[in-house]
Amino acid sequence: MSVRKFLIVVDDSPEFRAALAYACRRARSTGGVVAMLRVLAQPEFEHWSGVRDEIEREQRAEAEALLQKLGAEAEQRTGSRAEFLIEEGDTVGAIKKAVLADPDIKILVLAAATGGRGPGPLVASIAKEGVGFGRKLPVTVVPGDLTDEEVEALG
C-alpha cells in the first residue's frame, strides 16, 4: 500500500518554515509522510577536481545534518519519519527528478515569499513554466508568514 508523500524543498528562505509546518500538518491529518528535498548547488569550480570534490563532500555533510535536524522536528509533528532526498543542480530540475522517481509523492508544498517580494523565485518559476512532472501533481502554495497556530487552525 502506498503512502501519500508531501514534498517540500528545504532551503534557507524565511518562508521555508511555513511550508514545513503545513506539510507536517497535512501529513499528520492524512497519515502521510513528509519528504524533504535539499538541492545542492554544483560548485562552479572547474579547476582542481580535488578541491571541487571536497566542497561537494562538505555540502553533502551539511545537507545531511540539516535534514536530520529537520527530520526530527517533522517526526515530532507528524508521528512518522520523514524521508530525505539530496539532489544536485537547479531546484526545478531536482523537484522533477524526485517526483518522477517516486510515484508516492502526491503533493508539492511551497511557501510564497513574504514582505511584498512577489511569490518568490521558485513559486514564480513553477507558476510560469511548470515543471513537467510527467504526471498530474497538485502544488500547494501557502503564505510564507503562516504561524504554527494558523497552520493548526487550517487543519
N, C-alpha and C. Protein backbone atom coordinates (compact mmCIF):
# COMPACT_ATOMS: atom_id res chain seq x y z
N MET A 1 0.84 -1.17 0.00
CA MET A 1 0.00 0.00 0.00
C MET A 1 0.89 1.24 0.00
N SER A 2 0.59 2.19 -0.86
CA SER A 2 1.42 3.38 -0.95
C SER A 2 1.03 4.39 0.13
N VAL A 3 1.98 5.23 0.46
CA VAL A 3 1.80 6.28 1.45
C VAL A 3 1.84 7.61 0.73
N ARG A 4 0.92 8.48 1.06
CA ARG A 4 0.91 9.82 0.45
C ARG A 4 2.07 10.61 1.00
N LYS A 5 2.90 11.14 0.08
CA LYS A 5 4.05 11.94 0.48
C LYS A 5 3.85 13.39 0.08
N PHE A 6 4.22 14.27 1.00
CA PHE A 6 4.17 15.70 0.78
C PHE A 6 5.60 16.18 0.61
N LEU A 7 5.95 16.60 -0.59
CA LEU A 7 7.31 17.02 -0.90
C LEU A 7 7.49 18.50 -0.58
N ILE A 8 8.55 18.80 0.18
CA ILE A 8 8.91 20.19 0.43
C ILE A 8 10.38 20.37 0.04
N VAL A 9 10.69 21.58 -0.37
CA VAL A 9 12.06 21.92 -0.73
C VAL A 9 12.69 22.62 0.46
N VAL A 10 13.75 22.03 0.99
CA VAL A 10 14.44 22.60 2.13
C VAL A 10 15.44 23.63 1.62
N ASP A 11 15.16 24.88 1.91
CA ASP A 11 16.09 25.94 1.51
C ASP A 11 16.29 26.89 2.68
N ASP A 12 17.00 27.95 2.44
CA ASP A 12 17.34 28.88 3.51
C ASP A 12 16.42 30.09 3.55
N SER A 13 15.29 30.01 2.86
CA SER A 13 14.37 31.15 2.82
C SER A 13 13.59 31.25 4.12
N PRO A 14 13.16 32.47 4.48
CA PRO A 14 12.38 32.61 5.71
C PRO A 14 11.03 31.90 5.63
N GLU A 15 10.49 31.75 4.43
CA GLU A 15 9.18 31.13 4.28
C GLU A 15 9.21 29.60 4.35
N PHE A 16 10.40 29.01 4.32
CA PHE A 16 10.50 27.55 4.39
C PHE A 16 9.77 26.99 5.61
N ARG A 17 9.87 27.68 6.75
CA ARG A 17 9.25 27.17 7.98
C ARG A 17 7.74 26.99 7.82
N ALA A 18 7.10 27.89 7.07
CA ALA A 18 5.65 27.77 6.84
C ALA A 18 5.34 26.54 5.99
N ALA A 19 6.15 26.28 4.98
CA ALA A 19 5.95 25.09 4.14
C ALA A 19 6.13 23.82 4.96
N LEU A 20 7.14 23.80 5.81
CA LEU A 20 7.38 22.64 6.67
C LEU A 20 6.20 22.41 7.62
N ALA A 21 5.75 23.45 8.28
CA ALA A 21 4.65 23.32 9.22
C ALA A 21 3.39 22.82 8.52
N TYR A 22 3.09 23.39 7.36
CA TYR A 22 1.89 22.99 6.62
C TYR A 22 1.99 21.53 6.16
N ALA A 23 3.12 21.16 5.58
CA ALA A 23 3.30 19.78 5.11
C ALA A 23 3.18 18.79 6.27
N CYS A 24 3.75 19.14 7.41
CA CYS A 24 3.66 18.26 8.58
C CYS A 24 2.21 18.13 9.04
N ARG A 25 1.49 19.23 9.06
CA ARG A 25 0.08 19.20 9.48
C ARG A 25 -0.74 18.32 8.55
N ARG A 26 -0.54 18.48 7.26
CA ARG A 26 -1.29 17.67 6.27
C ARG A 26 -0.90 16.21 6.38
N ALA A 27 0.39 15.93 6.55
CA ALA A 27 0.83 14.54 6.67
C ALA A 27 0.22 13.90 7.92
N ARG A 28 0.22 14.63 9.02
CA ARG A 28 -0.35 14.09 10.25
C ARG A 28 -1.84 13.81 10.09
N SER A 29 -2.57 14.72 9.46
CA SER A 29 -4.02 14.56 9.36
C SER A 29 -4.44 13.52 8.33
N THR A 30 -3.55 13.15 7.42
CA THR A 30 -3.91 12.18 6.38
C THR A 30 -3.14 10.86 6.49
N GLY A 31 -2.30 10.73 7.50
CA GLY A 31 -1.50 9.51 7.62
C GLY A 31 -0.37 9.46 6.61
N GLY A 32 0.05 10.62 6.15
CA GLY A 32 1.10 10.69 5.14
C GLY A 32 2.48 10.89 5.73
N VAL A 33 3.42 11.17 4.85
CA VAL A 33 4.82 11.34 5.20
C VAL A 33 5.34 12.61 4.54
N VAL A 34 6.23 13.31 5.22
CA VAL A 34 6.89 14.47 4.64
C VAL A 34 8.19 14.00 3.98
N ALA A 35 8.36 14.38 2.73
CA ALA A 35 9.61 14.10 2.00
C ALA A 35 10.32 15.44 1.84
N MET A 36 11.55 15.50 2.32
CA MET A 36 12.33 16.74 2.30
C MET A 36 13.42 16.67 1.25
N LEU A 37 13.39 17.63 0.35
CA LEU A 37 14.38 17.69 -0.73
C LEU A 37 15.33 18.86 -0.48
N ARG A 38 16.60 18.55 -0.39
CA ARG A 38 17.64 19.59 -0.28
C ARG A 38 18.42 19.57 -1.58
N VAL A 39 18.49 20.71 -2.23
CA VAL A 39 19.19 20.81 -3.51
C VAL A 39 20.52 21.50 -3.29
N LEU A 40 21.58 20.83 -3.75
CA LEU A 40 22.93 21.36 -3.62
C LEU A 40 23.33 22.03 -4.92
N ALA A 41 23.80 23.24 -4.81
CA ALA A 41 24.32 23.92 -5.99
C ALA A 41 25.63 23.26 -6.39
N GLN A 42 25.79 23.05 -7.66
CA GLN A 42 27.04 22.47 -8.12
C GLN A 42 28.12 23.54 -8.10
N PRO A 43 29.26 23.22 -7.49
CA PRO A 43 30.33 24.21 -7.41
C PRO A 43 30.77 24.64 -8.82
N GLU A 44 30.96 25.94 -8.96
CA GLU A 44 31.42 26.48 -10.24
C GLU A 44 32.93 26.48 -10.28
N PHE A 45 33.50 25.38 -9.94
CA PHE A 45 34.93 25.26 -9.79
C PHE A 45 35.43 24.25 -10.80
N GLU A 46 35.91 24.70 -11.91
CA GLU A 46 36.34 23.81 -12.98
C GLU A 46 37.73 23.23 -12.74
N HIS A 47 38.56 23.94 -12.02
CA HIS A 47 39.94 23.52 -11.83
C HIS A 47 40.08 22.75 -10.52
N TRP A 48 41.10 21.99 -10.42
CA TRP A 48 41.45 21.27 -9.21
C TRP A 48 40.29 20.42 -8.70
N SER A 49 40.12 19.31 -9.34
CA SER A 49 38.98 18.44 -9.02
C SER A 49 38.99 18.00 -7.56
N GLY A 50 40.14 17.90 -6.94
CA GLY A 50 40.20 17.54 -5.53
C GLY A 50 39.51 18.56 -4.65
N VAL A 51 39.69 19.84 -4.97
CA VAL A 51 39.04 20.91 -4.21
C VAL A 51 37.53 20.85 -4.44
N ARG A 52 37.13 20.65 -5.69
CA ARG A 52 35.71 20.54 -6.01
C ARG A 52 35.08 19.36 -5.26
N ASP A 53 35.77 18.22 -5.24
CA ASP A 53 35.26 17.04 -4.54
C ASP A 53 35.10 17.32 -3.04
N GLU A 54 36.05 18.03 -2.46
CA GLU A 54 35.97 18.36 -1.04
C GLU A 54 34.79 19.29 -0.76
N ILE A 55 34.58 20.27 -1.63
CA ILE A 55 33.45 21.18 -1.48
C ILE A 55 32.14 20.40 -1.55
N GLU A 56 32.05 19.48 -2.50
CA GLU A 56 30.84 18.66 -2.63
C GLU A 56 30.61 17.79 -1.39
N ARG A 57 31.68 17.21 -0.85
CA ARG A 57 31.55 16.39 0.37
C ARG A 57 31.05 17.24 1.54
N GLU A 58 31.59 18.44 1.67
CA GLU A 58 31.17 19.33 2.75
C GLU A 58 29.70 19.73 2.58
N GLN A 59 29.30 20.06 1.36
CA GLN A 59 27.91 20.42 1.11
C GLN A 59 26.97 19.27 1.47
N ARG A 60 27.34 18.07 1.07
CA ARG A 60 26.51 16.89 1.34
C ARG A 60 26.42 16.64 2.85
N ALA A 61 27.54 16.75 3.55
CA ALA A 61 27.53 16.54 5.00
C ALA A 61 26.65 17.58 5.70
N GLU A 62 26.73 18.84 5.27
CA GLU A 62 25.89 19.89 5.84
C GLU A 62 24.42 19.62 5.54
N ALA A 63 24.12 19.18 4.32
CA ALA A 63 22.74 18.87 3.94
C ALA A 63 22.20 17.72 4.78
N GLU A 64 22.99 16.69 4.96
CA GLU A 64 22.55 15.54 5.76
C GLU A 64 22.29 15.95 7.21
N ALA A 65 23.16 16.77 7.78
CA ALA A 65 22.96 17.23 9.16
C ALA A 65 21.69 18.07 9.28
N LEU A 66 21.47 18.96 8.33
CA LEU A 66 20.27 19.79 8.34
C LEU A 66 19.02 18.92 8.21
N LEU A 67 19.03 17.97 7.30
CA LEU A 67 17.87 17.11 7.11
C LEU A 67 17.59 16.26 8.35
N GLN A 68 18.64 15.80 9.01
CA GLN A 68 18.44 15.03 10.25
C GLN A 68 17.75 15.90 11.30
N LYS A 69 18.21 17.13 11.43
CA LYS A 69 17.62 18.06 12.41
C LYS A 69 16.15 18.34 12.08
N LEU A 70 15.88 18.68 10.82
CA LEU A 70 14.52 18.97 10.41
C LEU A 70 13.65 17.71 10.43
N GLY A 71 14.26 16.57 10.14
CA GLY A 71 13.53 15.31 10.17
C GLY A 71 13.04 14.97 11.57
N ALA A 72 13.85 15.27 12.57
CA ALA A 72 13.43 15.03 13.95
C ALA A 72 12.23 15.91 14.29
N GLU A 73 12.27 17.15 13.83
CA GLU A 73 11.14 18.05 14.05
C GLU A 73 9.89 17.54 13.33
N ALA A 74 10.06 17.11 12.09
CA ALA A 74 8.92 16.60 11.32
C ALA A 74 8.34 15.35 11.97
N GLU A 75 9.21 14.49 12.47
CA GLU A 75 8.72 13.27 13.13
C GLU A 75 7.94 13.61 14.39
N GLN A 76 8.41 14.59 15.12
CA GLN A 76 7.70 15.01 16.33
C GLN A 76 6.32 15.57 15.96
N ARG A 77 6.24 16.31 14.87
CA ARG A 77 4.98 16.92 14.45
C ARG A 77 4.01 15.93 13.83
N THR A 78 4.54 14.92 13.13
CA THR A 78 3.67 14.01 12.37
C THR A 78 3.51 12.63 12.98
N GLY A 79 4.48 12.22 13.77
CA GLY A 79 4.45 10.87 14.31
C GLY A 79 5.06 9.84 13.37
N SER A 80 5.57 10.28 12.23
CA SER A 80 6.23 9.35 11.30
C SER A 80 7.54 9.95 10.81
N ARG A 81 8.45 9.06 10.43
CA ARG A 81 9.76 9.51 9.97
C ARG A 81 9.65 10.20 8.61
N ALA A 82 10.35 11.29 8.49
CA ALA A 82 10.42 12.00 7.21
C ALA A 82 11.39 11.27 6.29
N GLU A 83 11.21 11.48 5.01
CA GLU A 83 12.15 10.94 4.02
C GLU A 83 13.05 12.07 3.55
N PHE A 84 14.30 11.72 3.28
CA PHE A 84 15.28 12.73 2.87
C PHE A 84 15.74 12.47 1.44
N LEU A 85 15.82 13.54 0.68
CA LEU A 85 16.33 13.48 -0.68
C LEU A 85 17.37 14.58 -0.84
N ILE A 86 18.48 14.25 -1.44
CA ILE A 86 19.51 15.24 -1.74
C ILE A 86 19.82 15.13 -3.22
N GLU A 87 19.69 16.23 -3.92
CA GLU A 87 19.97 16.28 -5.36
C GLU A 87 20.91 17.45 -5.63
N GLU A 88 21.59 17.37 -6.75
CA GLU A 88 22.46 18.46 -7.17
C GLU A 88 21.87 19.14 -8.40
N GLY A 89 22.20 20.41 -8.56
CA GLY A 89 21.78 21.13 -9.75
C GLY A 89 20.77 22.20 -9.44
N ASP A 90 19.89 22.47 -10.42
CA ASP A 90 18.88 23.50 -10.24
C ASP A 90 17.68 22.92 -9.50
N THR A 91 16.98 23.75 -8.78
CA THR A 91 15.90 23.30 -7.91
C THR A 91 14.74 22.70 -8.70
N VAL A 92 14.32 23.35 -9.76
CA VAL A 92 13.19 22.83 -10.54
C VAL A 92 13.53 21.46 -11.13
N GLY A 93 14.73 21.30 -11.65
CA GLY A 93 15.15 20.01 -12.18
C GLY A 93 15.20 18.94 -11.10
N ALA A 94 15.63 19.32 -9.90
CA ALA A 94 15.70 18.38 -8.78
C ALA A 94 14.31 17.95 -8.34
N ILE A 95 13.37 18.88 -8.33
CA ILE A 95 11.98 18.54 -7.99
C ILE A 95 11.44 17.55 -9.02
N LYS A 96 11.64 17.85 -10.28
CA LYS A 96 11.15 16.96 -11.34
C LYS A 96 11.74 15.56 -11.19
N LYS A 97 13.02 15.47 -10.93
CA LYS A 97 13.68 14.17 -10.76
C LYS A 97 13.08 13.41 -9.59
N ALA A 98 12.87 14.09 -8.47
CA ALA A 98 12.30 13.44 -7.29
C ALA A 98 10.89 12.93 -7.56
N VAL A 99 10.08 13.76 -8.22
CA VAL A 99 8.69 13.39 -8.49
C VAL A 99 8.62 12.22 -9.46
N LEU A 100 9.45 12.24 -10.49
CA LEU A 100 9.45 11.14 -11.45
C LEU A 100 9.94 9.83 -10.83
N ALA A 101 10.83 9.92 -9.86
CA ALA A 101 11.39 8.72 -9.23
C ALA A 101 10.46 8.10 -8.20
N ASP A 102 9.50 8.87 -7.68
CA ASP A 102 8.67 8.36 -6.59
C ASP A 102 7.19 8.68 -6.83
N PRO A 103 6.42 7.70 -7.30
CA PRO A 103 5.00 7.95 -7.55
C PRO A 103 4.18 8.20 -6.29
N ASP A 104 4.75 7.94 -5.11
CA ASP A 104 4.03 8.21 -3.86
C ASP A 104 4.05 9.68 -3.48
N ILE A 105 4.87 10.48 -4.16
CA ILE A 105 4.83 11.92 -3.93
C ILE A 105 3.56 12.42 -4.59
N LYS A 106 2.64 12.89 -3.75
CA LYS A 106 1.31 13.27 -4.23
C LYS A 106 1.07 14.77 -4.27
N ILE A 107 1.82 15.52 -3.45
CA ILE A 107 1.62 16.97 -3.39
C ILE A 107 2.96 17.65 -3.16
N LEU A 108 3.21 18.72 -3.90
CA LEU A 108 4.37 19.57 -3.69
C LEU A 108 3.89 20.77 -2.88
N VAL A 109 4.52 21.01 -1.73
CA VAL A 109 4.14 22.12 -0.87
C VAL A 109 5.24 23.19 -0.94
N LEU A 110 4.84 24.39 -1.34
CA LEU A 110 5.75 25.53 -1.40
C LEU A 110 5.15 26.66 -0.58
N ALA A 111 5.99 27.56 -0.12
CA ALA A 111 5.51 28.75 0.59
C ALA A 111 5.89 29.98 -0.23
N ALA A 112 4.95 30.90 -0.31
CA ALA A 112 5.19 32.14 -1.03
C ALA A 112 6.10 33.04 -0.20
N ALA A 113 6.86 33.85 -0.89
CA ALA A 113 7.77 34.78 -0.22
C ALA A 113 6.97 35.78 0.62
N THR A 114 7.63 36.32 1.60
CA THR A 114 6.99 37.30 2.48
C THR A 114 7.55 38.69 2.19
N GLY A 115 6.89 39.69 2.72
CA GLY A 115 7.41 41.05 2.64
C GLY A 115 7.24 41.72 1.30
N GLY A 116 6.23 41.35 0.53
CA GLY A 116 5.96 42.04 -0.72
C GLY A 116 6.99 41.81 -1.81
N ARG A 117 7.74 40.72 -1.72
CA ARG A 117 8.77 40.42 -2.73
C ARG A 117 8.21 39.60 -3.88
N GLY A 118 6.90 39.55 -4.02
CA GLY A 118 6.31 38.68 -5.02
C GLY A 118 6.21 37.27 -4.45
N PRO A 119 5.88 36.31 -5.30
CA PRO A 119 5.67 34.96 -4.77
C PRO A 119 6.95 34.21 -4.42
N GLY A 120 8.08 34.72 -4.85
CA GLY A 120 9.34 34.04 -4.65
C GLY A 120 9.78 33.38 -5.94
N PRO A 121 11.07 33.19 -6.14
CA PRO A 121 11.57 32.69 -7.42
C PRO A 121 11.10 31.29 -7.77
N LEU A 122 11.02 30.39 -6.80
CA LEU A 122 10.61 29.02 -7.11
C LEU A 122 9.12 28.97 -7.45
N VAL A 123 8.29 29.61 -6.66
CA VAL A 123 6.85 29.64 -6.95
C VAL A 123 6.61 30.31 -8.30
N ALA A 124 7.28 31.42 -8.56
CA ALA A 124 7.11 32.12 -9.84
C ALA A 124 7.54 31.25 -11.01
N SER A 125 8.64 30.56 -10.86
CA SER A 125 9.13 29.70 -11.93
C SER A 125 8.16 28.58 -12.25
N ILE A 126 7.65 27.93 -11.23
CA ILE A 126 6.71 26.82 -11.45
C ILE A 126 5.39 27.33 -11.99
N ALA A 127 4.93 28.48 -11.51
CA ALA A 127 3.67 29.05 -11.99
C ALA A 127 3.79 29.47 -13.45
N LYS A 128 4.93 29.98 -13.83
CA LYS A 128 5.12 30.48 -15.19
C LYS A 128 5.38 29.36 -16.18
N GLU A 129 6.29 28.47 -15.84
CA GLU A 129 6.74 27.48 -16.81
C GLU A 129 6.29 26.06 -16.50
N GLY A 130 5.83 25.82 -15.28
CA GLY A 130 5.51 24.46 -14.88
C GLY A 130 6.80 23.68 -14.71
N VAL A 131 6.67 22.45 -14.34
CA VAL A 131 7.84 21.62 -14.13
C VAL A 131 7.85 20.45 -15.09
N GLY A 132 6.69 20.09 -15.62
CA GLY A 132 6.62 18.93 -16.50
C GLY A 132 6.90 17.66 -15.72
N PHE A 133 6.09 17.43 -14.70
CA PHE A 133 6.31 16.29 -13.82
C PHE A 133 6.11 14.96 -14.52
N GLY A 134 5.48 14.94 -15.67
CA GLY A 134 5.20 13.69 -16.34
C GLY A 134 3.92 13.04 -15.82
N ARG A 135 3.29 13.67 -14.86
CA ARG A 135 2.01 13.22 -14.30
C ARG A 135 1.37 14.40 -13.60
N LYS A 136 0.11 14.26 -13.28
CA LYS A 136 -0.58 15.33 -12.59
C LYS A 136 -0.13 15.37 -11.14
N LEU A 137 0.31 16.52 -10.70
CA LEU A 137 0.78 16.70 -9.34
C LEU A 137 0.30 18.04 -8.81
N PRO A 138 -0.56 18.03 -7.81
CA PRO A 138 -1.00 19.29 -7.23
C PRO A 138 0.16 20.01 -6.54
N VAL A 139 0.14 21.33 -6.66
CA VAL A 139 1.12 22.17 -5.97
C VAL A 139 0.33 23.06 -5.02
N THR A 140 0.65 22.96 -3.74
CA THR A 140 0.01 23.79 -2.73
C THR A 140 0.98 24.91 -2.36
N VAL A 141 0.52 26.14 -2.53
CA VAL A 141 1.33 27.30 -2.16
C VAL A 141 0.68 27.94 -0.94
N VAL A 142 1.42 27.97 0.15
CA VAL A 142 0.90 28.55 1.40
C VAL A 142 1.55 29.90 1.64
N PRO A 143 0.88 30.77 2.36
CA PRO A 143 1.51 32.05 2.71
C PRO A 143 2.78 31.80 3.51
N GLY A 144 3.83 32.47 3.16
CA GLY A 144 5.11 32.26 3.81
C GLY A 144 5.20 32.75 5.23
N ASP A 145 4.23 33.54 5.65
CA ASP A 145 4.26 34.06 7.01
C ASP A 145 3.24 33.40 7.93
N LEU A 146 2.74 32.22 7.55
CA LEU A 146 1.83 31.48 8.42
C LEU A 146 2.55 31.09 9.71
N THR A 147 1.88 31.29 10.82
CA THR A 147 2.43 30.84 12.10
C THR A 147 2.00 29.39 12.35
N ASP A 148 2.63 28.75 13.29
CA ASP A 148 2.24 27.38 13.64
C ASP A 148 0.77 27.33 14.08
N GLU A 149 0.33 28.32 14.80
CA GLU A 149 -1.06 28.36 15.27
C GLU A 149 -2.01 28.49 14.09
N GLU A 150 -1.66 29.30 13.11
CA GLU A 150 -2.51 29.45 11.92
C GLU A 150 -2.53 28.17 11.11
N VAL A 151 -1.41 27.47 11.03
CA VAL A 151 -1.38 26.18 10.33
C VAL A 151 -2.29 25.19 11.03
N GLU A 152 -2.22 25.12 12.34
CA GLU A 152 -3.07 24.20 13.11
C GLU A 152 -4.54 24.51 12.90
N ALA A 153 -4.87 25.79 12.81
CA ALA A 153 -6.27 26.19 12.62
C ALA A 153 -6.79 25.78 11.24
N LEU A 154 -5.90 25.60 10.28
CA LEU A 154 -6.32 25.17 8.93
C LEU A 154 -6.75 23.72 8.89
N GLY A 155 -6.20 22.92 9.80
CA GLY A 155 -6.33 21.52 9.62
C GLY A 155 -7.26 20.73 10.38
